[in-house]
Amino acid sequence: FGEFNINILMLGITYKGIAFPLIFSLLPKRGNSNWEERKKIMERFIRLFGADCIDCLVADREFIGKEWTGWLNSRRIRYYIRIRQNFWIVKPSTGERIRAWWLFNDLKVGQEKFFHTLFLHKGEYVYLAGSRIKNSDGVPELQILICFNRPEEAILTYKKRWEIETTFRAMKSSGFNIEDTHMRDMDRIARLVAMVCMALVWAY
């Protein structure tokens, strides 16, 4: 509203076409969250529910970084996170640096590929999987994922990430219109978001 930014970092549970919002944090800034903010929200989830109930974490290209990947690896949290196709990847056996897209450039639209060998991404060991898809404009592009394990499940599991977009659409322009609020007090906005989250679950 005007010059006031409302930036929400949200963790949800994917379920039958939608993501139920579970924990969120209002960030007093523009732009993407940093790894410590993501770590904090994950640790809050683990304190409440335990790590054993986490099947995997899916996240888009904004949720990357050496410290973040390293923390997920150290906690042995399975993840499928998309990276930009021009990122550098290192083959540990040879030390060769290659662009991520080079490993998947032979794919045609609808095809996918994964590797059961480890690569280094920003100094952290990861598995890789990728597919060639059509973006929202119908233009073919590569979708490349880093994985903690089970790269053969990456492409199918990552599709669940779209379910949080369904949630955001319902909270914004396709139902609750939360962005129409004129509130500027962060505590009040947090209460409003919490109420909308509960109403969304009830409506579903």
Protein backbone atom coordinates (compact mmCIF):
# COMPACT_ATOMS: atom_id res chain seq x y z
CA PHE A 1 0.00 0.00 0.00
CA GLY A 2 1.79 3.10 -1.20
CA GLU A 3 5.46 2.78 -0.34
CA PHE A 4 5.01 0.07 2.30
CA ASN A 5 6.42 -3.39 1.54
CA ILE A 6 4.83 -6.58 2.88
CA ASN A 7 7.22 -9.49 2.39
CA ILE A 8 6.24 -12.90 3.76
CA LEU A 9 8.44 -15.99 4.05
CA MET A 10 6.06 -18.94 4.30
CA LEU A 11 6.41 -22.67 4.89
CA GLY A 12 3.51 -24.86 3.85
CA ILE A 13 2.53 -28.50 3.47
CA THR A 14 1.53 -29.64 -0.02
CA TYR A 15 -1.72 -31.56 -0.14
CA LYS A 16 -3.91 -32.51 -3.11
CA GLY A 17 -3.33 -29.46 -5.29
CA ILE A 18 -2.77 -26.82 -2.63
CA ALA A 19 -0.25 -25.98 0.10
CA PHE A 20 -1.61 -25.44 3.59
CA PRO A 21 0.25 -22.46 5.13
CA LEU A 22 1.78 -23.55 8.41
CA ILE A 23 4.50 -21.14 9.55
CA PHE A 24 5.31 -17.70 8.22
CA SER A 25 7.57 -14.79 9.02
CA LEU A 26 7.12 -11.17 7.96
CA LEU A 27 10.39 -9.80 6.65
CA PRO A 28 10.95 -6.05 7.16
CA LYS A 29 12.58 -5.59 3.76
CA ARG A 30 12.19 -6.00 0.03
CA GLY A 31 13.61 -8.91 -1.90
CA ASN A 32 14.42 -12.48 -1.07
CA SER A 33 14.99 -14.12 2.30
CA ASN A 34 18.50 -14.99 3.40
CA TRP A 35 19.64 -18.40 4.57
CA GLU A 36 19.45 -17.53 8.27
CA GLU A 37 15.80 -16.51 7.92
CA ARG A 38 15.05 -19.80 6.15
CA LYS A 39 17.00 -21.75 8.77
CA LYS A 40 15.03 -20.04 11.54
CA ILE A 41 11.65 -20.97 10.07
CA MET A 42 12.76 -24.57 9.49
CA GLU A 43 14.10 -24.88 13.04
CA ARG A 44 10.79 -23.56 14.32
CA PHE A 45 8.99 -26.28 12.38
CA ILE A 46 11.34 -28.95 13.73
CA ARG A 47 10.84 -27.76 17.31
CA LEU A 48 7.08 -28.00 16.89
CA PHE A 49 6.75 -31.20 14.89
CA GLY A 50 10.13 -32.94 14.77
CA ALA A 51 12.40 -33.59 11.80
CA ASP A 52 11.10 -37.12 11.23
CA CYS A 53 7.84 -35.88 9.71
CA ILE A 54 9.63 -34.00 6.90
CA ASP A 55 9.44 -35.96 3.68
CA CYS A 56 11.27 -33.35 1.62
CA LEU A 57 11.58 -29.63 0.99
CA VAL A 58 10.80 -28.16 -2.44
CA ALA A 59 11.74 -24.60 -3.30
CA ASP A 60 12.28 -22.35 -6.31
CA ARG A 61 15.42 -20.65 -7.63
CA GLU A 62 15.38 -17.87 -5.02
CA PHE A 63 16.06 -20.38 -2.23
CA ILE A 64 19.69 -21.18 -2.94
CA GLY A 65 23.12 -20.51 -1.45
CA LYS A 66 26.12 -22.32 -0.02
CA GLU A 67 25.19 -21.85 3.65
CA TRP A 68 21.56 -22.86 3.06
CA THR A 69 22.45 -26.01 1.12
CA GLY A 70 25.15 -26.85 3.66
CA TRP A 71 22.70 -26.52 6.55
CA LEU A 72 20.14 -28.78 4.82
CA ASN A 73 22.88 -31.33 4.12
CA SER A 74 24.11 -31.25 7.72
CA ARG A 75 20.56 -31.87 9.00
CA ARG A 76 20.03 -34.58 6.36
CA ILE A 77 16.83 -32.90 5.16
CA ARG A 78 15.87 -34.21 1.74
CA TYR A 79 15.35 -31.35 -0.73
CA TYR A 80 14.64 -30.62 -4.37
CA ILE A 81 15.58 -27.02 -5.14
CA ARG A 82 15.73 -25.46 -8.58
CA ILE A 83 18.90 -23.65 -9.60
CA ARG A 84 19.63 -21.32 -12.48
CA GLN A 85 20.88 -23.15 -15.54
CA ASN A 86 24.04 -21.04 -15.87
CA PHE A 87 25.35 -21.95 -12.40
CA TRP A 88 28.76 -23.59 -12.19
CA ILE A 89 28.92 -27.26 -11.23
CA VAL A 90 32.14 -29.13 -10.35
CA LYS A 91 32.86 -32.80 -11.01
CA PRO A 92 34.64 -33.94 -7.80
CA SER A 93 36.52 -36.73 -9.58
CA THR A 94 38.25 -34.39 -12.03
CA GLY A 95 37.75 -30.89 -10.62
CA GLU A 96 36.24 -29.86 -13.98
CA ARG A 97 33.95 -26.81 -13.80
CA ILE A 98 30.96 -26.84 -16.13
CA ARG A 99 27.76 -24.89 -16.48
CA ALA A 100 24.73 -26.80 -15.18
CA TRP A 101 22.90 -26.52 -18.51
CA TRP A 102 25.68 -28.44 -20.26
CA LEU A 103 24.68 -31.66 -18.47
CA PHE A 104 21.09 -31.45 -19.69
CA ASN A 105 21.33 -29.64 -23.01
CA ASP A 106 20.53 -32.78 -25.02
CA LEU A 107 17.02 -33.07 -23.52
CA LYS A 108 13.94 -32.50 -25.62
CA VAL A 109 10.72 -31.03 -24.23
CA GLY A 110 9.15 -33.55 -21.86
CA GLN A 111 12.36 -35.49 -21.30
CA GLU A 112 14.21 -35.72 -17.98
CA LYS A 113 17.56 -36.96 -16.74
CA PHE A 114 19.22 -37.51 -13.37
CA PHE A 115 22.66 -38.45 -12.09
CA HIS A 116 23.52 -40.90 -9.33
CA THR A 117 26.96 -39.35 -8.99
CA LEU A 118 27.64 -36.43 -6.66
CA PHE A 119 28.57 -32.97 -7.93
CA LEU A 120 29.79 -29.89 -6.11
CA HIS A 121 27.49 -26.87 -6.17
CA LYS A 122 28.93 -23.83 -4.40
CA GLY A 123 31.22 -26.21 -2.50
CA GLU A 124 28.43 -28.51 -1.29
CA TYR A 125 27.84 -32.07 -2.48
CA VAL A 126 24.54 -32.52 -4.31
CA TYR A 127 22.86 -34.80 -6.79
CA LEU A 128 21.44 -33.33 -9.98
CA ALA A 129 18.27 -33.87 -11.98
CA GLY A 130 16.79 -31.94 -14.85
CA SER A 131 14.10 -31.75 -17.49
CA ARG A 132 13.17 -29.55 -20.41
CA ILE A 133 9.79 -27.90 -19.93
CA LYS A 134 7.77 -25.10 -21.49
CA ASN A 135 7.49 -21.99 -19.36
CA SER A 136 4.34 -19.92 -18.89
CA ASP A 137 4.97 -18.24 -22.25
CA GLY A 138 5.29 -21.59 -24.03
CA VAL A 139 9.05 -21.22 -24.52
CA PRO A 140 11.17 -24.35 -23.84
CA GLU A 141 13.61 -24.03 -20.95
CA LEU A 142 15.68 -26.25 -18.70
CA GLN A 143 14.54 -27.02 -15.18
CA ILE A 144 17.57 -28.12 -13.14
CA LEU A 145 17.33 -29.32 -9.55
CA ILE A 146 19.84 -29.99 -6.80
CA CYS A 147 18.95 -32.90 -4.51
CA PHE A 148 20.08 -34.34 -1.19
CA ASN A 149 19.32 -37.87 -2.37
CA ARG A 150 16.93 -39.87 -4.60
CA PRO A 151 17.52 -37.79 -7.75
CA GLU A 152 15.31 -40.22 -9.68
CA GLU A 153 12.32 -38.80 -7.76
CA ALA A 154 13.28 -35.16 -8.25
CA ILE A 155 11.22 -34.08 -11.26
CA LEU A 156 7.98 -35.69 -10.13
CA THR A 157 8.34 -34.46 -6.54
CA TYR A 158 9.28 -30.91 -7.57
CA LYS A 159 5.96 -30.54 -9.38
CA LYS A 160 4.35 -30.28 -5.95
CA ARG A 161 6.00 -26.88 -5.56
CA TRP A 162 3.33 -25.42 -7.80
CA GLU A 163 0.78 -26.13 -5.07
CA ILE A 164 2.06 -23.19 -3.03
CA GLU A 165 1.42 -20.92 -6.03
CA THR A 166 -2.20 -22.09 -5.87
CA THR A 167 -2.25 -21.04 -2.21
CA PHE A 168 -0.79 -17.61 -2.93
CA ARG A 169 -3.28 -17.05 -5.74
CA ALA A 170 -6.16 -17.90 -3.38
CA MET A 171 -4.79 -15.58 -0.69
CA LYS A 172 -4.25 -12.75 -3.16
CA SER A 173 -6.23 -12.21 -6.35
CA SER A 174 -8.40 -15.31 -6.51
CA GLY A 175 -10.29 -15.20 -3.23
CA PHE A 176 -9.15 -13.45 -0.06
CA ASN A 177 -7.54 -10.39 -1.72
CA ILE A 178 -5.12 -9.95 1.16
CA GLU A 179 -3.10 -7.43 -0.83
CA ASP A 180 -6.01 -4.98 -0.67
CA THR A 181 -5.27 -4.30 3.00
CA HIS A 182 -4.29 -0.76 3.96
CA MET A 183 -2.62 -1.93 7.16
CA ARG A 184 0.92 -0.75 7.83
CA ASP A 185 1.51 -2.15 11.31
CA MET A 186 3.50 -5.40 11.09
CA ASP A 187 1.83 -7.05 14.09
CA ARG A 188 -1.62 -6.36 12.71
CA ILE A 189 -0.59 -7.60 9.27
CA ALA A 190 0.75 -10.80 10.89
CA ARG A 191 -2.60 -11.39 12.62
CA LEU A 192 -4.44 -10.75 9.36
CA VAL A 193 -2.24 -13.25 7.50
CA ALA A 194 -2.80 -15.85 10.24
CA MET A 195 -6.58 -15.39 10.00
CA VAL A 196 -6.50 -15.74 6.21
CA CYS A 197 -4.36 -18.89 6.52
CA MET A 198 -6.93 -20.48 8.84
CA ALA A 199 -9.84 -19.38 6.65
CA LEU A 200 -8.12 -20.85 3.60
CA VAL A 201 -7.81 -24.25 5.27
CA TRP A 202 -11.45 -24.18 6.40
CA ALA A 203 -12.63 -23.15 2.93
CA TYR A 204 -10.64 -25.97 1.34
